[in-house]
Amino acid sequence: MPPELYPAGPLTAQPNRPHSHAFIAPPPAGWTQVALMEWELTAESWSDEHPHDEYNYVLDGVLLVTCDGQTIEVPAGSAVRVPAGTTGHYAAPVHARMLAIYGPNPQGRPSAVHGLFRLTAGGPRPAPGPP
């Protein structure tokens, strides 16, 4: 079997979601391999919960990850795992660009999105919706 190429594309924004690009998108019906995305946060935070493990390799900047009441700082060149079934809170007070790898989800169980927030001096506030 020949190698497969997954070309880079621009990071694009959807309403109330971080800028992202899927190299190997997670199909809604489920997947048995991995899903692979690139995403970024700039003075933002994002929270979600997945039925599969999520790994994030920080390509640039610093990412703060909170899970089960503990926060760790993940600098560029490091990776972090948020276990399946737990809520992950990801924050980049300045900027962070990540490579996200989702573990298998063969049944296609849904994820829960808790939201994208802008980080301000007064604390997080919801990101603006579509114009």
N, C-alpha and C. Protein backbone atom coordinates (compact mmCIF):
# COMPACT_ATOMS: atom_id res chain seq x y z
N MET A 1 0.85 -1.17 0.00
CA MET A 1 0.00 0.00 0.00
C MET A 1 0.90 1.24 0.00
N PRO A 2 0.65 2.20 -0.87
CA PRO A 2 1.50 3.39 -0.95
C PRO A 2 1.24 4.34 0.22
N PRO A 3 2.19 5.25 0.48
CA PRO A 3 1.95 6.24 1.53
C PRO A 3 0.83 7.19 1.12
N GLU A 4 0.16 7.76 2.13
CA GLU A 4 -0.92 8.72 1.88
C GLU A 4 -0.47 10.11 2.30
N LEU A 5 -0.73 11.09 1.46
CA LEU A 5 -0.39 12.47 1.76
C LEU A 5 -1.63 13.20 2.26
N TYR A 6 -1.48 13.95 3.34
CA TYR A 6 -2.54 14.77 3.88
C TYR A 6 -2.05 16.21 3.84
N PRO A 7 -2.38 16.95 2.76
CA PRO A 7 -1.81 18.29 2.58
C PRO A 7 -2.28 19.29 3.63
N ALA A 8 -1.41 20.24 3.90
CA ALA A 8 -1.73 21.32 4.82
C ALA A 8 -2.73 22.25 4.17
N GLY A 9 -3.49 22.89 4.96
CA GLY A 9 -4.44 23.88 4.50
C GLY A 9 -4.44 25.04 5.48
N PRO A 10 -5.10 26.12 5.15
CA PRO A 10 -5.13 27.25 6.08
C PRO A 10 -5.97 26.92 7.31
N LEU A 11 -5.61 27.52 8.41
CA LEU A 11 -6.43 27.40 9.62
C LEU A 11 -7.64 28.31 9.42
N THR A 12 -8.82 27.75 9.51
CA THR A 12 -10.03 28.52 9.29
C THR A 12 -10.86 28.53 10.56
N ALA A 13 -11.73 29.51 10.66
CA ALA A 13 -12.59 29.63 11.85
C ALA A 13 -14.03 29.31 11.49
N GLN A 14 -14.69 28.60 12.39
CA GLN A 14 -16.12 28.40 12.33
C GLN A 14 -16.68 29.19 13.51
N PRO A 15 -17.95 29.56 13.46
CA PRO A 15 -18.51 30.33 14.57
C PRO A 15 -18.30 29.62 15.92
N ASN A 16 -17.78 30.36 16.87
CA ASN A 16 -17.58 29.89 18.24
C ASN A 16 -16.68 28.67 18.35
N ARG A 17 -15.73 28.54 17.43
CA ARG A 17 -14.76 27.44 17.44
C ARG A 17 -13.37 28.03 17.19
N PRO A 18 -12.33 27.36 17.67
CA PRO A 18 -10.97 27.84 17.40
C PRO A 18 -10.64 27.71 15.91
N HIS A 19 -9.64 28.47 15.47
CA HIS A 19 -9.11 28.30 14.12
C HIS A 19 -8.55 26.89 14.05
N SER A 20 -8.87 26.15 12.98
CA SER A 20 -8.39 24.77 12.89
C SER A 20 -8.36 24.30 11.44
N HIS A 21 -7.68 23.18 11.25
CA HIS A 21 -7.60 22.51 9.96
C HIS A 21 -7.48 21.01 10.24
N ALA A 22 -8.32 20.21 9.60
CA ALA A 22 -8.24 18.76 9.78
C ALA A 22 -7.39 18.15 8.68
N PHE A 23 -6.38 17.39 9.09
CA PHE A 23 -5.61 16.60 8.14
C PHE A 23 -6.35 15.28 7.91
N ILE A 24 -6.75 14.66 9.01
CA ILE A 24 -7.55 13.44 8.97
C ILE A 24 -8.76 13.71 9.86
N ALA A 25 -9.86 14.09 9.24
CA ALA A 25 -11.05 14.50 10.00
C ALA A 25 -11.70 13.31 10.70
N PRO A 26 -12.24 13.53 11.89
CA PRO A 26 -12.96 12.46 12.59
C PRO A 26 -14.35 12.27 11.99
N PRO A 27 -14.61 11.15 11.31
CA PRO A 27 -15.93 10.94 10.70
C PRO A 27 -17.02 10.81 11.77
N PRO A 28 -18.20 11.38 11.55
CA PRO A 28 -19.28 11.29 12.54
C PRO A 28 -19.68 9.85 12.88
N ALA A 29 -19.54 8.93 11.93
CA ALA A 29 -19.94 7.54 12.17
C ALA A 29 -18.91 6.76 12.99
N GLY A 30 -17.74 7.37 13.26
CA GLY A 30 -16.71 6.71 14.05
C GLY A 30 -15.46 6.42 13.24
N TRP A 31 -14.37 6.10 13.96
CA TRP A 31 -13.10 5.82 13.31
C TRP A 31 -12.31 4.84 14.16
N THR A 32 -11.48 4.03 13.49
CA THR A 32 -10.71 3.01 14.20
C THR A 32 -9.22 3.33 14.26
N GLN A 33 -8.80 4.33 13.52
CA GLN A 33 -7.40 4.76 13.56
C GLN A 33 -7.31 6.01 14.44
N VAL A 34 -6.67 7.06 13.94
CA VAL A 34 -6.61 8.34 14.65
C VAL A 34 -7.22 9.42 13.78
N ALA A 35 -7.59 10.52 14.40
CA ALA A 35 -7.96 11.75 13.69
C ALA A 35 -6.86 12.75 14.01
N LEU A 36 -6.53 13.61 13.05
CA LEU A 36 -5.38 14.51 13.19
C LEU A 36 -5.77 15.91 12.73
N MET A 37 -5.64 16.89 13.62
CA MET A 37 -6.00 18.26 13.33
C MET A 37 -4.91 19.22 13.82
N GLU A 38 -4.87 20.37 13.22
CA GLU A 38 -4.04 21.48 13.70
C GLU A 38 -5.01 22.56 14.15
N TRP A 39 -4.71 23.18 15.28
CA TRP A 39 -5.59 24.24 15.78
C TRP A 39 -4.80 25.25 16.57
N GLU A 40 -5.41 26.42 16.83
CA GLU A 40 -4.71 27.47 17.58
C GLU A 40 -5.68 28.27 18.40
N LEU A 41 -5.13 28.84 19.46
CA LEU A 41 -5.85 29.76 20.33
C LEU A 41 -4.99 31.01 20.50
N THR A 42 -5.61 32.18 20.46
CA THR A 42 -4.90 33.44 20.69
C THR A 42 -5.72 34.24 21.70
N ALA A 43 -5.20 34.36 22.92
CA ALA A 43 -5.91 35.01 24.02
C ALA A 43 -7.32 34.43 24.15
N GLU A 44 -7.40 33.09 24.08
CA GLU A 44 -8.67 32.38 24.12
C GLU A 44 -8.54 31.12 24.97
N SER A 45 -9.71 30.59 25.34
CA SER A 45 -9.76 29.28 25.97
C SER A 45 -10.85 28.47 25.31
N TRP A 46 -10.70 27.16 25.38
CA TRP A 46 -11.63 26.22 24.74
C TRP A 46 -11.85 25.07 25.70
N SER A 47 -13.08 24.62 25.82
CA SER A 47 -13.40 23.47 26.68
C SER A 47 -14.25 22.48 25.91
N ASP A 48 -13.90 21.20 26.07
CA ASP A 48 -14.69 20.14 25.46
C ASP A 48 -14.47 18.83 26.21
N GLU A 49 -15.28 17.85 25.88
CA GLU A 49 -15.17 16.52 26.47
C GLU A 49 -15.35 15.50 25.36
N HIS A 50 -14.45 14.53 25.30
CA HIS A 50 -14.49 13.52 24.23
C HIS A 50 -14.63 12.11 24.81
N PRO A 51 -15.24 11.19 24.03
CA PRO A 51 -15.32 9.80 24.45
C PRO A 51 -14.03 9.03 24.12
N HIS A 52 -13.03 9.73 23.65
CA HIS A 52 -11.74 9.14 23.26
C HIS A 52 -10.62 9.98 23.86
N ASP A 53 -9.43 9.40 23.98
CA ASP A 53 -8.27 10.17 24.43
C ASP A 53 -7.96 11.26 23.41
N GLU A 54 -7.50 12.41 23.91
CA GLU A 54 -7.05 13.49 23.04
C GLU A 54 -5.63 13.86 23.45
N TYR A 55 -4.74 13.88 22.48
CA TYR A 55 -3.35 14.30 22.68
C TYR A 55 -3.15 15.61 21.93
N ASN A 56 -2.43 16.53 22.55
CA ASN A 56 -2.08 17.78 21.88
C ASN A 56 -0.58 17.98 21.98
N TYR A 57 0.05 18.12 20.82
CA TYR A 57 1.47 18.45 20.74
C TYR A 57 1.53 19.93 20.44
N VAL A 58 2.17 20.70 21.31
CA VAL A 58 2.24 22.15 21.15
C VAL A 58 3.37 22.48 20.18
N LEU A 59 2.98 23.05 19.05
CA LEU A 59 3.93 23.43 18.01
C LEU A 59 4.58 24.77 18.28
N ASP A 60 3.78 25.69 18.86
CA ASP A 60 4.26 27.06 19.07
C ASP A 60 3.52 27.65 20.26
N GLY A 61 4.22 28.41 21.09
CA GLY A 61 3.60 29.08 22.22
C GLY A 61 3.51 28.21 23.46
N VAL A 62 2.58 28.57 24.33
CA VAL A 62 2.35 27.86 25.59
C VAL A 62 0.86 27.63 25.75
N LEU A 63 0.50 26.39 26.09
CA LEU A 63 -0.88 26.00 26.31
C LEU A 63 -1.05 25.61 27.77
N LEU A 64 -2.10 26.12 28.40
CA LEU A 64 -2.45 25.71 29.77
C LEU A 64 -3.60 24.73 29.65
N VAL A 65 -3.44 23.56 30.26
CA VAL A 65 -4.47 22.52 30.17
C VAL A 65 -4.93 22.16 31.58
N THR A 66 -6.24 22.21 31.78
CA THR A 66 -6.84 21.84 33.05
C THR A 66 -7.74 20.64 32.83
N CYS A 67 -7.57 19.65 33.70
CA CYS A 67 -8.37 18.43 33.65
C CYS A 67 -8.44 17.87 35.07
N ASP A 68 -9.62 17.50 35.50
CA ASP A 68 -9.82 16.95 36.85
C ASP A 68 -9.24 17.85 37.94
N GLY A 69 -9.39 19.16 37.77
CA GLY A 69 -8.97 20.12 38.78
C GLY A 69 -7.49 20.44 38.82
N GLN A 70 -6.71 19.89 37.92
CA GLN A 70 -5.27 20.16 37.88
C GLN A 70 -4.91 20.85 36.58
N THR A 71 -4.08 21.88 36.68
CA THR A 71 -3.63 22.64 35.52
C THR A 71 -2.15 22.43 35.32
N ILE A 72 -1.76 22.18 34.06
CA ILE A 72 -0.35 22.09 33.72
C ILE A 72 -0.04 23.04 32.57
N GLU A 73 1.18 23.50 32.53
CA GLU A 73 1.66 24.36 31.46
C GLU A 73 2.39 23.49 30.46
N VAL A 74 1.99 23.59 29.19
CA VAL A 74 2.57 22.76 28.14
C VAL A 74 3.30 23.68 27.15
N PRO A 75 4.64 23.72 27.22
CA PRO A 75 5.38 24.58 26.30
C PRO A 75 5.56 23.93 24.93
N ALA A 76 5.94 24.73 23.96
CA ALA A 76 6.22 24.23 22.62
C ALA A 76 7.21 23.08 22.70
N GLY A 77 6.95 22.04 21.91
CA GLY A 77 7.81 20.86 21.91
C GLY A 77 7.37 19.79 22.88
N SER A 78 6.29 20.03 23.63
CA SER A 78 5.77 19.06 24.59
C SER A 78 4.37 18.63 24.17
N ALA A 79 3.96 17.47 24.70
CA ALA A 79 2.62 16.95 24.41
C ALA A 79 1.88 16.70 25.71
N VAL A 80 0.56 16.71 25.64
CA VAL A 80 -0.29 16.48 26.80
C VAL A 80 -1.44 15.58 26.37
N ARG A 81 -1.92 14.74 27.29
CA ARG A 81 -3.07 13.88 27.02
C ARG A 81 -4.19 14.23 27.98
N VAL A 82 -5.40 14.35 27.44
CA VAL A 82 -6.61 14.47 28.25
C VAL A 82 -7.35 13.15 28.05
N PRO A 83 -7.55 12.39 29.14
CA PRO A 83 -8.16 11.07 29.02
C PRO A 83 -9.62 11.11 28.56
N ALA A 84 -10.03 10.06 27.90
CA ALA A 84 -11.41 9.91 27.45
C ALA A 84 -12.37 10.11 28.61
N GLY A 85 -13.49 10.81 28.34
CA GLY A 85 -14.53 10.99 29.34
C GLY A 85 -14.30 12.11 30.31
N THR A 86 -13.19 12.83 30.20
CA THR A 86 -12.95 13.97 31.08
C THR A 86 -13.06 15.27 30.28
N THR A 87 -13.39 16.35 30.98
CA THR A 87 -13.46 17.65 30.33
C THR A 87 -12.08 18.27 30.31
N GLY A 88 -11.66 18.71 29.14
CA GLY A 88 -10.38 19.41 28.99
C GLY A 88 -10.63 20.89 28.78
N HIS A 89 -9.92 21.70 29.55
CA HIS A 89 -9.96 23.15 29.40
C HIS A 89 -8.58 23.55 28.87
N TYR A 90 -8.56 24.20 27.72
CA TYR A 90 -7.31 24.61 27.07
C TYR A 90 -7.29 26.13 27.00
N ALA A 91 -6.19 26.73 27.45
CA ALA A 91 -6.11 28.19 27.43
C ALA A 91 -4.75 28.62 26.90
N ALA A 92 -4.78 29.67 26.09
CA ALA A 92 -3.56 30.29 25.58
C ALA A 92 -3.68 31.78 25.87
N PRO A 93 -3.12 32.24 27.00
CA PRO A 93 -3.22 33.66 27.33
C PRO A 93 -2.62 34.55 26.24
N VAL A 94 -1.59 34.06 25.55
CA VAL A 94 -0.98 34.82 24.45
C VAL A 94 -1.34 34.12 23.14
N HIS A 95 -0.67 33.01 22.85
CA HIS A 95 -0.94 32.26 21.61
C HIS A 95 -0.37 30.85 21.76
N ALA A 96 -1.08 29.89 21.20
CA ALA A 96 -0.57 28.52 21.12
C ALA A 96 -1.14 27.88 19.86
N ARG A 97 -0.29 27.11 19.18
CA ARG A 97 -0.69 26.35 18.00
C ARG A 97 -0.37 24.90 18.28
N MET A 98 -1.36 24.02 18.05
CA MET A 98 -1.24 22.62 18.46
C MET A 98 -1.57 21.66 17.33
N LEU A 99 -1.00 20.47 17.44
CA LEU A 99 -1.37 19.33 16.62
C LEU A 99 -2.18 18.42 17.53
N ALA A 100 -3.47 18.23 17.24
CA ALA A 100 -4.34 17.39 18.06
C ALA A 100 -4.48 16.02 17.42
N ILE A 101 -4.36 15.00 18.24
CA ILE A 101 -4.51 13.62 17.79
C ILE A 101 -5.59 12.98 18.65
N TYR A 102 -6.66 12.53 17.99
CA TYR A 102 -7.75 11.86 18.68
C TYR A 102 -7.54 10.36 18.59
N GLY A 103 -7.70 9.67 19.71
CA GLY A 103 -7.67 8.22 19.70
C GLY A 103 -8.92 7.68 19.01
N PRO A 104 -8.94 6.37 18.78
CA PRO A 104 -10.09 5.75 18.10
C PRO A 104 -11.42 5.99 18.82
N ASN A 105 -12.47 6.05 18.02
CA ASN A 105 -13.84 6.20 18.50
C ASN A 105 -14.72 5.39 17.54
N PRO A 106 -14.59 4.06 17.55
CA PRO A 106 -15.26 3.23 16.54
C PRO A 106 -16.78 3.33 16.52
N GLN A 107 -17.40 3.63 17.65
CA GLN A 107 -18.86 3.75 17.68
C GLN A 107 -19.34 5.14 17.29
N GLY A 108 -18.43 6.09 17.12
CA GLY A 108 -18.83 7.46 16.78
C GLY A 108 -19.58 8.16 17.88
N ARG A 109 -19.24 7.82 19.14
CA ARG A 109 -19.91 8.49 20.27
C ARG A 109 -19.62 10.00 20.20
N PRO A 110 -20.59 10.84 20.48
CA PRO A 110 -20.42 12.28 20.32
C PRO A 110 -19.55 12.92 21.40
N SER A 111 -18.95 14.02 21.03
CA SER A 111 -18.20 14.86 21.96
C SER A 111 -19.12 15.96 22.47
N ALA A 112 -18.77 16.55 23.60
CA ALA A 112 -19.51 17.69 24.15
C ALA A 112 -18.63 18.92 24.05
N VAL A 113 -19.13 19.96 23.44
CA VAL A 113 -18.41 21.22 23.32
C VAL A 113 -18.94 22.17 24.38
N HIS A 114 -18.04 22.73 25.19
CA HIS A 114 -18.44 23.66 26.24
C HIS A 114 -18.22 25.11 25.84
N GLY A 115 -17.38 25.35 24.83
CA GLY A 115 -17.29 26.70 24.30
C GLY A 115 -15.91 27.29 24.15
N LEU A 116 -15.89 28.35 23.36
CA LEU A 116 -14.71 29.16 23.11
C LEU A 116 -14.90 30.48 23.84
N PHE A 117 -13.88 30.92 24.56
CA PHE A 117 -13.96 32.16 25.31
C PHE A 117 -12.74 33.02 25.04
N ARG A 118 -12.95 34.32 24.97
CA ARG A 118 -11.86 35.29 24.86
C ARG A 118 -11.32 35.51 26.26
N LEU A 119 -10.02 35.60 26.40
CA LEU A 119 -9.42 35.88 27.70
C LEU A 119 -9.18 37.38 27.80
N THR A 120 -9.71 37.97 28.88
CA THR A 120 -9.56 39.40 29.09
C THR A 120 -9.08 39.62 30.51
N ALA A 121 -8.71 40.85 30.82
CA ALA A 121 -8.25 41.18 32.16
C ALA A 121 -9.33 40.89 33.20
N GLY A 122 -10.59 41.00 32.83
CA GLY A 122 -11.69 40.74 33.75
C GLY A 122 -12.11 39.29 33.80
N GLY A 123 -11.41 38.42 33.10
CA GLY A 123 -11.76 37.01 33.08
C GLY A 123 -12.32 36.59 31.73
N PRO A 124 -12.59 35.31 31.56
CA PRO A 124 -13.09 34.83 30.27
C PRO A 124 -14.46 35.38 29.95
N ARG A 125 -14.72 35.59 28.67
CA ARG A 125 -16.06 35.95 28.21
C ARG A 125 -16.30 35.21 26.90
N PRO A 126 -17.56 34.89 26.59
CA PRO A 126 -17.83 34.13 25.37
C PRO A 126 -17.28 34.84 24.14
N ALA A 127 -16.75 34.02 23.22
CA ALA A 127 -16.26 34.57 21.96
C ALA A 127 -17.46 35.08 21.17
N PRO A 128 -17.25 36.11 20.34
CA PRO A 128 -18.38 36.62 19.57
C PRO A 128 -18.86 35.57 18.58
N GLY A 129 -20.16 35.56 18.33
CA GLY A 129 -20.75 34.64 17.37
C GLY A 129 -20.54 35.15 15.96
N PRO A 130 -21.20 34.55 15.00
CA PRO A 130 -21.05 34.96 13.61
C PRO A 130 -21.57 36.37 13.41
N PRO A 131 -20.99 37.10 12.47
CA PRO A 131 -21.44 38.48 12.23
C PRO A 131 -22.85 38.54 11.73
